[in-house]
């Protein structure tokens, strides 16, 4: 059972043999860095950077649901980017 699931993942059009797997996987670094910045004082946050992170997350989240094949790794990383960006913007605005 597990072998067949791993084989299916390996052979998926957005699986580990393609850039469609690795690009979103490394993009998680942006979300992780933004989460690490939660401890930064809001004054040190950048409006342009957080707006870019938020907009990128929103735009690419939508795109990842309309492409074929659907890329759930791309979707989840971009939802995380939009969420962390919105949170950081809300901290900066307050």
Protein backbone atom coordinates (compact mmCIF):
# COMPACT_ATOMS: atom_id res chain seq x y z
CA UNK A 1 0.00 0.00 0.00
CA UNK A 2 2.66 2.55 1.03
CA UNK A 3 4.84 1.53 -1.90
CA UNK A 4 2.06 2.20 -4.39
CA UNK A 5 1.39 5.64 -2.84
CA UNK A 6 5.08 6.52 -2.99
CA UNK A 7 5.22 5.30 -6.58
CA UNK A 8 2.18 7.43 -7.44
CA UNK A 9 3.82 10.49 -5.84
CA UNK A 10 7.10 9.81 -7.62
CA UNK A 11 5.39 9.52 -11.02
CA UNK A 12 2.93 12.40 -10.52
CA UNK A 13 3.23 15.23 -13.10
CA UNK A 14 4.01 17.58 -10.17
CA UNK A 15 6.11 15.00 -8.32
CA UNK A 16 9.73 15.13 -7.10
CA UNK A 17 11.13 14.49 -10.58
CA UNK A 18 9.89 17.92 -11.72
CA UNK A 19 10.45 21.60 -10.99
CA UNK A 20 6.74 21.77 -10.16
CA UNK A 21 7.56 19.96 -6.92
CA UNK A 22 10.84 21.62 -5.99
CA UNK A 23 9.96 25.28 -6.65
CA UNK A 24 7.06 25.34 -4.15
CA UNK A 25 9.05 23.21 -1.71
CA UNK A 26 11.87 25.77 -1.58
CA UNK A 27 9.33 28.62 -1.56
CA UNK A 28 8.36 27.42 1.95
CA UNK A 29 11.55 29.18 3.06
CA UNK A 30 9.85 32.55 2.47
CA UNK A 31 6.91 31.60 4.69
CA UNK A 32 9.22 30.21 7.35
CA UNK A 33 11.28 33.43 7.31
CA UNK A 34 8.09 35.47 7.61
CA UNK A 35 7.00 33.35 10.59
CA UNK A 36 10.43 33.91 12.17
CA UNK A 37 9.81 37.65 11.78
CA UNK A 38 6.72 37.43 14.00
CA UNK A 39 9.06 38.24 16.89
CA UNK A 40 10.40 41.37 15.16
CA UNK A 41 9.02 44.72 16.27
CA UNK A 42 6.37 45.90 13.77
CA UNK A 43 8.36 49.09 13.12
CA UNK A 44 11.07 46.99 11.47
CA UNK A 45 8.66 45.36 9.01
CA UNK A 46 8.55 46.61 5.43
CA UNK A 47 5.21 47.56 3.84
CA UNK A 48 6.43 46.86 0.27
CA UNK A 49 7.86 43.48 1.22
CA UNK A 50 4.75 42.34 3.08
CA UNK A 51 2.44 43.63 0.33
CA UNK A 52 4.51 41.67 -2.21
CA UNK A 53 4.41 38.50 -0.10
CA UNK A 54 0.64 38.84 0.40
CA UNK A 55 -0.16 39.58 -3.26
CA UNK A 56 2.11 36.80 -4.49
CA UNK A 57 0.42 34.37 -2.13
CA UNK A 58 -3.08 35.38 -3.20
CA UNK A 59 -2.38 35.38 -6.96
CA UNK A 60 -0.48 32.09 -7.05
CA UNK A 61 -2.96 30.36 -4.72
CA UNK A 62 -5.65 31.00 -7.28
CA UNK A 63 -3.41 29.99 -10.18
CA UNK A 64 -2.46 26.70 -8.52
CA UNK A 65 -6.12 25.63 -8.47
CA UNK A 66 -6.77 26.26 -12.18
CA UNK A 67 -3.68 24.64 -13.70
CA UNK A 68 -3.55 21.01 -14.76
CA UNK A 69 -2.50 19.03 -12.83
CA UNK A 70 -3.53 20.77 -9.64
CA UNK A 71 -0.47 21.45 -7.54
CA UNK A 72 -1.46 21.28 -3.87
CA UNK A 73 2.08 21.96 -2.65
CA UNK A 74 2.03 25.22 -4.63
CA UNK A 75 -1.43 26.02 -3.27
CA UNK A 76 -0.51 25.41 0.37
CA UNK A 77 2.74 27.38 0.29
CA UNK A 78 0.98 30.35 -1.28
CA UNK A 79 -1.88 30.26 1.22
CA UNK A 80 0.79 30.30 3.93
CA UNK A 81 2.52 33.25 2.24
CA UNK A 82 -0.73 35.20 1.96
CA UNK A 83 -1.63 34.42 5.57
CA UNK A 84 1.73 35.39 7.03
CA UNK A 85 1.87 38.51 4.86
CA UNK A 86 -1.59 39.61 5.97
CA UNK A 87 -0.70 38.98 9.59
CA UNK A 88 2.50 41.01 9.29
CA UNK A 89 0.63 43.84 7.56
CA UNK A 90 -1.97 43.87 10.34
CA UNK A 91 0.83 44.12 12.92
CA UNK A 92 2.46 46.97 10.99
CA UNK A 93 -0.82 48.90 10.60
CA UNK A 94 -1.70 48.70 14.33
